[in-house]
Amino acid sequence: MNEKKFKFVKNGKPTLKQLREALKCSQEEFARRIGVSLRTATRWEKGDSVPTFTIPQMKNLMREIEKLGLSVYDLPDDFSSPPSNH
């Protein structure tokens, strides 16, 4: 049995920020691992843009989430989140 090492906080599905924090890496490191710019990763987390992935980026994301005992099926269909109120 594959036990999940990661507890979801929002609606039973992880946000990208929660995944990054569970991986214990900075936005810069997460962006590098996935294959996007730091600016892109920052905009995703802030809700300024909706995450989209190329196939290589999705494969990189899948490798990262496997470290948390997750699969692509554990991810939400949409990573978009409402912009935070500053």
C-alpha atoms as a PDB file:
ATOM      1  CA  MET A   1       0.000   0.000   0.000  1.00  0.00           C
ATOM      2  CA  ASN A   2       1.305   3.435  -0.943  1.00  0.00           C
ATOM      3  CA  GLU A   3       0.944   5.679   2.107  1.00  0.00           C
ATOM      4  CA  LYS A   4       0.866   9.349   1.378  1.00  0.00           C
ATOM      5  CA  LYS A   5       3.487  11.383   3.172  1.00  0.00           C
ATOM      6  CA  PHE A   6       1.683  14.640   2.502  1.00  0.00           C
ATOM      7  CA  LYS A   7      -1.490  15.957   4.091  1.00  0.00           C
ATOM      8  CA  PHE A   8      -3.661  18.194   1.947  1.00  0.00           C
ATOM      9  CA  VAL A   9      -4.887  21.424   3.420  1.00  0.00           C
ATOM     10  CA  LYS A  10      -7.167  23.009   0.823  1.00  0.00           C
ATOM     11  CA  ASN A  11     -10.246  21.107  -0.356  1.00  0.00           C
ATOM     12  CA  GLY A  12      -8.430  17.796  -0.097  1.00  0.00           C
ATOM     13  CA  LYS A  13      -6.082  18.772  -2.948  1.00  0.00           C
ATOM     14  CA  PRO A  14      -2.656  20.407  -2.734  1.00  0.00           C
ATOM     15  CA  THR A  15      -1.810  23.837  -4.016  1.00  0.00           C
ATOM     16  CA  LEU A  16       1.512  24.348  -5.762  1.00  0.00           C
ATOM     17  CA  LYS A  17       2.755  26.279  -2.750  1.00  0.00           C
ATOM     18  CA  GLN A  18       1.839  23.400  -0.430  1.00  0.00           C
ATOM     19  CA  LEU A  19       3.653  20.960  -2.711  1.00  0.00           C
ATOM     20  CA  ARG A  20       6.728  23.193  -2.809  1.00  0.00           C
ATOM     21  CA  GLU A  21       6.728  23.610   0.962  1.00  0.00           C
ATOM     22  CA  ALA A  22       6.326  19.858   1.458  1.00  0.00           C
ATOM     23  CA  LEU A  23       9.359  19.375  -0.801  1.00  0.00           C
ATOM     24  CA  LYS A  24      11.216  21.783   1.507  1.00  0.00           C
ATOM     25  CA  CYS A  25      12.527  23.964  -1.272  1.00  0.00           C
ATOM     26  CA  SER A  26      12.482  27.628  -2.171  1.00  0.00           C
ATOM     27  CA  GLN A  27      10.440  29.005  -5.052  1.00  0.00           C
ATOM     28  CA  GLU A  28      13.678  29.324  -6.992  1.00  0.00           C
ATOM     29  CA  GLU A  29      14.627  25.684  -6.411  1.00  0.00           C
ATOM     30  CA  PHE A  30      11.105  24.470  -7.183  1.00  0.00           C
ATOM     31  CA  ALA A  31      11.069  26.469 -10.424  1.00  0.00           C
ATOM     32  CA  ARG A  32      14.447  25.011 -11.423  1.00  0.00           C
ATOM     33  CA  ARG A  33      13.315  21.445 -10.667  1.00  0.00           C
ATOM     34  CA  ILE A  34      10.131  21.865 -12.702  1.00  0.00           C
ATOM     35  CA  GLY A  35      11.799  23.758 -15.530  1.00  0.00           C
ATOM     36  CA  VAL A  36      10.156  27.165 -15.302  1.00  0.00           C
ATOM     37  CA  SER A  37      11.414  30.627 -14.414  1.00  0.00           C
ATOM     38  CA  LEU A  38      11.281  31.929 -10.861  1.00  0.00           C
ATOM     39  CA  ARG A  39       8.908  34.641 -12.047  1.00  0.00           C
ATOM     40  CA  THR A  40       6.527  32.017 -13.430  1.00  0.00           C
ATOM     41  CA  ALA A  41       6.535  30.006 -10.204  1.00  0.00           C
ATOM     42  CA  THR A  42       5.959  33.174  -8.174  1.00  0.00           C
ATOM     43  CA  ARG A  43       3.029  34.228 -10.353  1.00  0.00           C
ATOM     44  CA  TRP A  44       1.481  30.758 -10.017  1.00  0.00           C
ATOM     45  CA  GLU A  45       1.697  30.819  -6.230  1.00  0.00           C
ATOM     46  CA  LYS A  46       0.294  34.347  -6.003  1.00  0.00           C
ATOM     47  CA  GLY A  47      -2.629  33.426  -8.264  1.00  0.00           C
ATOM     48  CA  ASP A  48      -1.543  35.969 -10.879  1.00  0.00           C
ATOM     49  CA  SER A  49      -1.560  33.329 -13.602  1.00  0.00           C
ATOM     50  CA  VAL A  50      -2.946  29.844 -14.091  1.00  0.00           C
ATOM     51  CA  PRO A  51      -0.291  27.124 -14.186  1.00  0.00           C
ATOM     52  CA  THR A  52       0.157  25.331 -17.470  1.00  0.00           C
ATOM     53  CA  PHE A  53       2.888  22.789 -18.118  1.00  0.00           C
ATOM     54  CA  THR A  54       4.740  21.492 -21.141  1.00  0.00           C
ATOM     55  CA  ILE A  55       5.140  17.728 -21.236  1.00  0.00           C
ATOM     56  CA  PRO A  56       8.763  17.893 -19.967  1.00  0.00           C
ATOM     57  CA  GLN A  57       7.650  20.204 -17.136  1.00  0.00           C
ATOM     58  CA  MET A  58       4.808  17.840 -16.240  1.00  0.00           C
ATOM     59  CA  LYS A  59       7.244  14.923 -16.123  1.00  0.00           C
ATOM     60  CA  ASN A  60       9.480  16.968 -13.821  1.00  0.00           C
ATOM     61  CA  LEU A  61       6.496  17.804 -11.605  1.00  0.00           C
ATOM     62  CA  MET A  62       5.513  14.141 -11.503  1.00  0.00           C
ATOM     63  CA  ARG A  63       9.023  13.169 -10.364  1.00  0.00           C
ATOM     64  CA  GLU A  64       8.825  15.764  -7.600  1.00  0.00           C
ATOM     65  CA  ILE A  65       5.386  14.749  -6.329  1.00  0.00           C
ATOM     66  CA  GLU A  66       6.412  11.092  -6.310  1.00  0.00           C
ATOM     67  CA  LYS A  67       8.909  12.088  -3.593  1.00  0.00           C
ATOM     68  CA  LEU A  68       5.846  12.950  -1.486  1.00  0.00           C
ATOM     69  CA  GLY A  69       4.151   9.620  -2.162  1.00  0.00           C
ATOM     70  CA  LEU A  70       1.708  11.227  -4.611  1.00  0.00           C
ATOM     71  CA  SER A  71       0.763  10.625  -8.204  1.00  0.00           C
ATOM     72  CA  VAL A  72      -0.624  12.876 -10.893  1.00  0.00           C
ATOM     73  CA  TYR A  73      -4.083  11.584  -9.952  1.00  0.00           C
ATOM     74  CA  ASP A  74      -3.750  13.240  -6.533  1.00  0.00           C
ATOM     75  CA  LEU A  75      -3.388  16.672  -8.120  1.00  0.00           C
ATOM     76  CA  PRO A  76      -6.313  19.008  -8.676  1.00  0.00           C
ATOM     77  CA  ASP A  77      -7.626  19.434 -12.203  1.00  0.00           C
ATOM     78  CA  ASP A  78      -6.947  23.144 -11.870  1.00  0.00           C
ATOM     79  CA  PHE A  79      -4.137  24.725  -9.827  1.00  0.00           C
ATOM     80  CA  SER A  80      -5.586  28.198 -10.191  1.00  0.00           C
ATOM     81  CA  SER A  81      -6.381  29.984  -6.997  1.00  0.00           C
ATOM     82  CA  PRO A  82      -8.008  33.293  -6.296  1.00  0.00           C
ATOM     83  CA  PRO A  83      -5.555  36.143  -5.934  1.00  0.00           C
ATOM     84  CA  SER A  84      -4.597  36.769  -2.328  1.00  0.00           C
ATOM     85  CA  ASN A  85      -5.686  39.972  -0.679  1.00  0.00           C
ATOM     86  CA  HIS A  86      -2.584  41.962   0.128  1.00  0.00           C
END
